[in-house]
Structure formats: C-alpha cells, structure tokens
Amino acid sequence: MFQSRGHRITLVPPVYLNVVELNRVSRFKYLGHWVSENLMDKRTLRESAGKTINALRIQYNNAFRVLLGLPRYCSASGMFEAVHTDGFHAVLTKESCLVAKLYAWQLK
C-alpha cells in the first residue's frame, strides 16, 4: 500500500499467500530501484546522483587527456598537477559555491 501526502495508513488487513501471512515492509527494491510507501526514497536519488557525478568525472578526465595528448591509463591527479589546473571535484566545489552565492544574492 502506498500513502498519500498527509494521510497515514494505520489499519492494514493481513495479506496471505498460500495460507502464509506476508510481512509488511516500508520499502522494497524493484528492478534496481527502491520503492517506499510514500513513493519518495532519498536512497535511490542519492545513488542516481552519485552515478551521474562519477560519469561526469570520468568524461571530464578523459577530455583533459585528449586535450593534453595523454594515454587513457595516465593518472588523473598527476595530469592535473602537471598542468597546474583544478581537477573535477575542485571545479565542482567552486561552481557549487558560486551558485550558492548567486542564490543568496538574489534573496537579498
């Protein structure tokens, strides 16, 4: 059973499968995604965001390797150190701070 916003289900009749009562759970995994009673699961969102960030990091590193003419197996941290530039996470942090500052400025 799924809950709607503001309505909590308190009385749930038992469900049986071949005369065996099934346990009620608050969430379950289906096709690799977590489904919760309120259909909002932060775990799935965090996992998806983490996978997306990792894919972007790999593409960022590979693009730099191509620009510098380096092979794919070279160290990303060594590559950024050699050319004195920021790596993916440093750029992501700086951009996040910039967005936060712009948002705070708009609220004033």
N, C-alpha and C. Protein backbone atom coordinates (compact mmCIF):
# COMPACT_ATOMS: atom_id res chain seq x y z
N MET A 1 0.84 -1.18 0.00
CA MET A 1 0.00 0.00 0.00
C MET A 1 0.87 1.24 0.00
N PHE A 2 0.46 2.23 -0.73
CA PHE A 2 1.19 3.48 -0.78
C PHE A 2 0.38 4.56 -0.08
N GLN A 3 1.08 5.44 0.60
CA GLN A 3 0.43 6.51 1.34
C GLN A 3 0.39 7.77 0.51
N SER A 4 -0.62 8.58 0.75
CA SER A 4 -0.67 9.89 0.10
C SER A 4 -0.20 10.93 1.11
N ARG A 5 0.14 12.08 0.62
CA ARG A 5 0.68 13.13 1.48
C ARG A 5 -0.37 13.52 2.53
N GLY A 6 0.06 13.49 3.79
CA GLY A 6 -0.81 13.91 4.87
C GLY A 6 -1.74 12.83 5.40
N HIS A 7 -1.77 11.67 4.80
CA HIS A 7 -2.65 10.58 5.24
C HIS A 7 -1.81 9.36 5.60
N ARG A 8 -1.84 8.99 6.87
CA ARG A 8 -1.07 7.83 7.34
C ARG A 8 -2.01 6.64 7.46
N ILE A 9 -1.63 5.53 6.89
CA ILE A 9 -2.43 4.31 6.94
C ILE A 9 -2.10 3.60 8.25
N THR A 10 -3.11 3.40 9.09
CA THR A 10 -2.86 2.77 10.38
C THR A 10 -3.36 1.33 10.42
N LEU A 11 -4.50 1.06 9.82
CA LEU A 11 -5.07 -0.28 9.86
C LEU A 11 -4.89 -0.95 8.50
N VAL A 12 -4.06 -1.96 8.46
CA VAL A 12 -3.79 -2.68 7.22
C VAL A 12 -4.20 -4.14 7.43
N PRO A 13 -5.12 -4.63 6.63
CA PRO A 13 -5.53 -6.03 6.79
C PRO A 13 -4.39 -6.96 6.38
N PRO A 14 -4.30 -8.14 6.99
CA PRO A 14 -3.24 -9.08 6.62
C PRO A 14 -3.41 -9.59 5.19
N VAL A 15 -2.28 -9.86 4.54
CA VAL A 15 -2.28 -10.39 3.18
C VAL A 15 -1.66 -11.78 3.26
N TYR A 16 -2.31 -12.75 2.60
CA TYR A 16 -1.86 -14.14 2.66
C TYR A 16 -1.46 -14.64 1.28
N LEU A 17 -0.48 -15.51 1.26
CA LEU A 17 -0.06 -16.20 0.05
C LEU A 17 0.06 -17.67 0.42
N ASN A 18 -0.84 -18.47 -0.14
CA ASN A 18 -0.88 -19.91 0.20
C ASN A 18 -0.94 -20.12 1.71
N VAL A 19 -1.87 -19.47 2.34
CA VAL A 19 -2.16 -19.51 3.79
C VAL A 19 -0.99 -19.04 4.66
N VAL A 20 0.00 -18.41 4.10
CA VAL A 20 1.12 -17.85 4.87
C VAL A 20 0.96 -16.33 4.85
N GLU A 21 0.91 -15.74 6.04
CA GLU A 21 0.76 -14.29 6.13
C GLU A 21 2.07 -13.60 5.72
N LEU A 22 1.96 -12.62 4.82
CA LEU A 22 3.13 -11.88 4.35
C LEU A 22 3.46 -10.74 5.31
N ASN A 23 4.74 -10.49 5.51
CA ASN A 23 5.17 -9.37 6.34
C ASN A 23 5.02 -8.07 5.57
N ARG A 24 4.63 -7.02 6.26
CA ARG A 24 4.51 -5.70 5.66
C ARG A 24 5.86 -4.99 5.81
N VAL A 25 6.34 -4.40 4.73
CA VAL A 25 7.60 -3.66 4.76
C VAL A 25 7.35 -2.22 4.35
N SER A 26 8.25 -1.32 4.77
CA SER A 26 8.07 0.09 4.42
C SER A 26 8.70 0.43 3.07
N ARG A 27 9.61 -0.43 2.60
CA ARG A 27 10.19 -0.22 1.26
C ARG A 27 10.76 -1.54 0.76
N PHE A 28 10.92 -1.61 -0.58
CA PHE A 28 11.48 -2.81 -1.20
C PHE A 28 12.19 -2.39 -2.48
N LYS A 29 13.07 -3.26 -2.94
CA LYS A 29 13.83 -2.98 -4.15
C LYS A 29 13.15 -3.67 -5.32
N TYR A 30 12.90 -2.92 -6.40
CA TYR A 30 12.25 -3.46 -7.58
C TYR A 30 13.00 -2.97 -8.81
N LEU A 31 13.53 -3.90 -9.59
CA LEU A 31 14.29 -3.58 -10.80
C LEU A 31 15.42 -2.59 -10.52
N GLY A 32 16.09 -2.76 -9.39
CA GLY A 32 17.23 -1.93 -9.07
C GLY A 32 16.91 -0.60 -8.43
N HIS A 33 15.63 -0.31 -8.18
CA HIS A 33 15.23 0.96 -7.56
C HIS A 33 14.43 0.68 -6.30
N TRP A 34 14.64 1.52 -5.30
CA TRP A 34 13.91 1.36 -4.05
C TRP A 34 12.54 2.01 -4.18
N VAL A 35 11.53 1.28 -3.75
CA VAL A 35 10.15 1.78 -3.74
C VAL A 35 9.73 1.85 -2.28
N SER A 36 9.28 3.02 -1.83
CA SER A 36 8.85 3.19 -0.44
C SER A 36 7.35 3.44 -0.39
N GLU A 37 6.79 3.42 0.81
CA GLU A 37 5.33 3.57 0.94
C GLU A 37 4.85 4.93 0.47
N ASN A 38 5.68 5.95 0.57
CA ASN A 38 5.26 7.27 0.10
C ASN A 38 5.79 7.59 -1.31
N LEU A 39 6.39 6.60 -1.95
CA LEU A 39 6.91 6.70 -3.32
C LEU A 39 8.02 7.75 -3.45
N MET A 40 8.62 8.14 -2.34
CA MET A 40 9.74 9.08 -2.36
C MET A 40 10.87 8.46 -1.56
N ASP A 41 11.91 8.00 -2.22
CA ASP A 41 13.01 7.40 -1.50
C ASP A 41 14.30 8.13 -1.82
N LYS A 42 14.88 8.74 -0.81
CA LYS A 42 16.10 9.52 -1.00
C LYS A 42 17.30 8.65 -1.34
N ARG A 43 17.26 7.39 -0.93
CA ARG A 43 18.38 6.49 -1.22
C ARG A 43 18.57 6.34 -2.73
N THR A 44 17.49 6.10 -3.46
CA THR A 44 17.58 5.95 -4.92
C THR A 44 18.08 7.24 -5.56
N LEU A 45 17.59 8.39 -5.07
CA LEU A 45 18.04 9.66 -5.63
C LEU A 45 19.53 9.88 -5.40
N ARG A 46 20.02 9.54 -4.19
CA ARG A 46 21.45 9.70 -3.90
C ARG A 46 22.29 8.78 -4.76
N GLU A 47 21.83 7.53 -4.93
CA GLU A 47 22.59 6.58 -5.75
C GLU A 47 22.64 7.05 -7.20
N SER A 48 21.52 7.54 -7.73
CA SER A 48 21.48 8.02 -9.11
C SER A 48 22.37 9.24 -9.29
N ALA A 49 22.33 10.16 -8.32
CA ALA A 49 23.17 11.35 -8.40
C ALA A 49 24.64 10.97 -8.34
N GLY A 50 24.98 10.02 -7.48
CA GLY A 50 26.37 9.58 -7.37
C GLY A 50 26.89 8.97 -8.65
N LYS A 51 26.05 8.17 -9.31
CA LYS A 51 26.44 7.55 -10.58
C LYS A 51 26.63 8.61 -11.66
N THR A 52 25.76 9.61 -11.66
CA THR A 52 25.85 10.68 -12.66
C THR A 52 27.11 11.50 -12.46
N ILE A 53 27.40 11.85 -11.21
CA ILE A 53 28.60 12.63 -10.91
C ILE A 53 29.85 11.84 -11.31
N ASN A 54 29.87 10.55 -11.03
CA ASN A 54 31.03 9.73 -11.38
C ASN A 54 31.22 9.66 -12.89
N ALA A 55 30.12 9.53 -13.63
CA ALA A 55 30.21 9.50 -15.10
C ALA A 55 30.74 10.83 -15.63
N LEU A 56 30.28 11.94 -15.06
CA LEU A 56 30.78 13.26 -15.47
C LEU A 56 32.28 13.41 -15.16
N ARG A 57 32.70 12.91 -14.00
CA ARG A 57 34.12 12.98 -13.61
C ARG A 57 34.98 12.22 -14.62
N ILE A 58 34.54 11.05 -15.01
CA ILE A 58 35.30 10.25 -15.97
C ILE A 58 35.39 10.96 -17.32
N GLN A 59 34.27 11.54 -17.77
CA GLN A 59 34.28 12.27 -19.05
C GLN A 59 35.18 13.50 -18.99
N TYR A 60 35.15 14.20 -17.86
CA TYR A 60 36.00 15.38 -17.67
C TYR A 60 37.47 14.99 -17.75
N ASN A 61 37.84 13.92 -17.02
CA ASN A 61 39.23 13.45 -17.04
C ASN A 61 39.64 12.99 -18.44
N ASN A 62 38.78 12.26 -19.12
CA ASN A 62 39.10 11.78 -20.47
C ASN A 62 39.26 12.93 -21.46
N ALA A 63 38.42 13.96 -21.33
CA ALA A 63 38.54 15.12 -22.22
C ALA A 63 39.88 15.81 -22.02
N PHE A 64 40.31 15.96 -20.77
CA PHE A 64 41.62 16.56 -20.49
C PHE A 64 42.74 15.72 -21.07
N ARG A 65 42.63 14.41 -20.96
CA ARG A 65 43.67 13.53 -21.51
C ARG A 65 43.79 13.74 -23.02
N VAL A 66 42.65 13.85 -23.69
CA VAL A 66 42.66 14.07 -25.14
C VAL A 66 43.30 15.41 -25.47
N LEU A 67 42.92 16.47 -24.73
CA LEU A 67 43.49 17.80 -24.98
C LEU A 67 45.00 17.83 -24.77
N LEU A 68 45.47 17.05 -23.79
CA LEU A 68 46.89 17.04 -23.50
C LEU A 68 47.66 15.97 -24.26
N GLY A 69 46.93 15.15 -25.03
CA GLY A 69 47.57 14.10 -25.81
C GLY A 69 48.14 12.97 -24.96
N LEU A 70 47.51 12.71 -23.83
CA LEU A 70 47.99 11.66 -22.92
C LEU A 70 47.18 10.37 -23.10
N PRO A 71 47.77 9.23 -22.77
CA PRO A 71 47.03 7.97 -22.87
C PRO A 71 45.96 7.86 -21.78
N ARG A 72 44.97 6.99 -22.00
CA ARG A 72 43.86 6.83 -21.06
C ARG A 72 44.30 6.30 -19.71
N TYR A 73 45.39 5.58 -19.64
CA TYR A 73 45.81 4.96 -18.39
C TYR A 73 46.61 5.90 -17.48
N CYS A 74 46.88 7.12 -17.91
CA CYS A 74 47.67 8.01 -17.07
C CYS A 74 46.85 8.49 -15.87
N SER A 75 47.53 8.83 -14.80
CA SER A 75 46.88 9.26 -13.57
C SER A 75 46.21 10.62 -13.75
N ALA A 76 44.96 10.71 -13.35
CA ALA A 76 44.24 11.98 -13.46
C ALA A 76 44.84 13.02 -12.53
N SER A 77 45.13 12.64 -11.30
CA SER A 77 45.68 13.62 -10.35
C SER A 77 47.05 14.11 -10.82
N GLY A 78 47.87 13.20 -11.35
CA GLY A 78 49.18 13.61 -11.88
C GLY A 78 49.04 14.52 -13.08
N MET A 79 48.05 14.25 -13.91
CA MET A 79 47.81 15.06 -15.11
C MET A 79 47.44 16.49 -14.72
N PHE A 80 46.52 16.64 -13.75
CA PHE A 80 46.10 17.98 -13.33
C PHE A 80 47.24 18.72 -12.62
N GLU A 81 48.04 17.99 -11.87
CA GLU A 81 49.17 18.61 -11.18
C GLU A 81 50.21 19.10 -12.19
N ALA A 82 50.45 18.31 -13.23
CA ALA A 82 51.47 18.66 -14.23
C ALA A 82 51.12 19.95 -14.97
N VAL A 83 49.83 20.19 -15.21
CA VAL A 83 49.42 21.39 -15.95
C VAL A 83 48.91 22.49 -15.04
N HIS A 84 49.03 22.29 -13.73
CA HIS A 84 48.64 23.29 -12.72
C HIS A 84 47.20 23.77 -12.90
N THR A 85 46.29 22.82 -12.95
CA THR A 85 44.87 23.17 -13.08
C THR A 85 44.04 22.33 -12.10
N ASP A 86 42.80 22.72 -11.92
CA ASP A 86 41.92 22.03 -10.98
C ASP A 86 41.37 20.74 -11.56
N GLY A 87 41.20 19.77 -10.70
CA GLY A 87 40.54 18.52 -11.08
C GLY A 87 39.03 18.68 -11.03
N PHE A 88 38.32 17.63 -11.34
CA PHE A 88 36.86 17.66 -11.42
C PHE A 88 36.22 18.11 -10.12
N HIS A 89 36.63 17.51 -9.00
CA HIS A 89 35.98 17.83 -7.73
C HIS A 89 36.24 19.27 -7.29
N ALA A 90 37.41 19.80 -7.59
CA ALA A 90 37.69 21.20 -7.27
C ALA A 90 36.81 22.13 -8.09
N VAL A 91 36.66 21.82 -9.37
CA VAL A 91 35.79 22.64 -10.24
C VAL A 91 34.34 22.53 -9.76
N LEU A 92 33.91 21.34 -9.42
CA LEU A 92 32.54 21.14 -8.94
C LEU A 92 32.29 21.93 -7.66
N THR A 93 33.25 21.92 -6.74
CA THR A 93 33.12 22.66 -5.49
C THR A 93 33.05 24.16 -5.75
N LYS A 94 33.93 24.67 -6.60
CA LYS A 94 33.92 26.10 -6.91
C LYS A 94 32.62 26.52 -7.56
N GLU A 95 32.12 25.73 -8.50
CA GLU A 95 30.87 26.07 -9.18
C GLU A 95 29.68 26.01 -8.22
N SER A 96 29.70 25.03 -7.31
CA SER A 96 28.62 24.92 -6.32
C SER A 96 28.61 26.15 -5.41
N CYS A 97 29.78 26.60 -4.99
CA CYS A 97 29.87 27.79 -4.15
C CYS A 97 29.39 29.03 -4.90
N LEU A 98 29.73 29.12 -6.17
CA LEU A 98 29.29 30.25 -6.98
C LEU A 98 27.77 30.27 -7.11
N VAL A 99 27.17 29.12 -7.36
CA VAL A 99 25.71 29.03 -7.46
C VAL A 99 25.06 29.42 -6.13
N ALA A 100 25.63 28.95 -5.01
CA ALA A 100 25.09 29.29 -3.69
C ALA A 100 25.18 30.80 -3.44
N LYS A 101 26.30 31.41 -3.82
CA LYS A 101 26.44 32.86 -3.65
C LYS A 101 25.44 33.63 -4.51
N LEU A 102 25.27 33.21 -5.75
CA LEU A 102 24.30 33.88 -6.63
C LEU A 102 22.89 33.73 -6.10
N TYR A 103 22.56 32.57 -5.56
CA TYR A 103 21.23 32.35 -5.00
C TYR A 103 21.02 33.23 -3.78
N ALA A 104 22.03 33.31 -2.90
CA ALA A 104 21.94 34.16 -1.71
C ALA A 104 21.82 35.62 -2.12
N TRP A 105 22.52 36.04 -3.16
CA TRP A 105 22.45 37.41 -3.64
C TRP A 105 21.05 37.74 -4.15
N GLN A 106 20.39 36.78 -4.81
CA GLN A 106 19.04 37.01 -5.33
C GLN A 106 18.03 37.13 -4.21
N LEU A 107 18.27 36.49 -3.08
CA LEU A 107 17.34 36.56 -1.95
C LEU A 107 17.37 37.89 -1.24
N LYS A 108 18.47 38.65 -1.43
CA LYS A 108 18.59 39.96 -0.75
C LYS A 108 17.70 40.99 -1.34
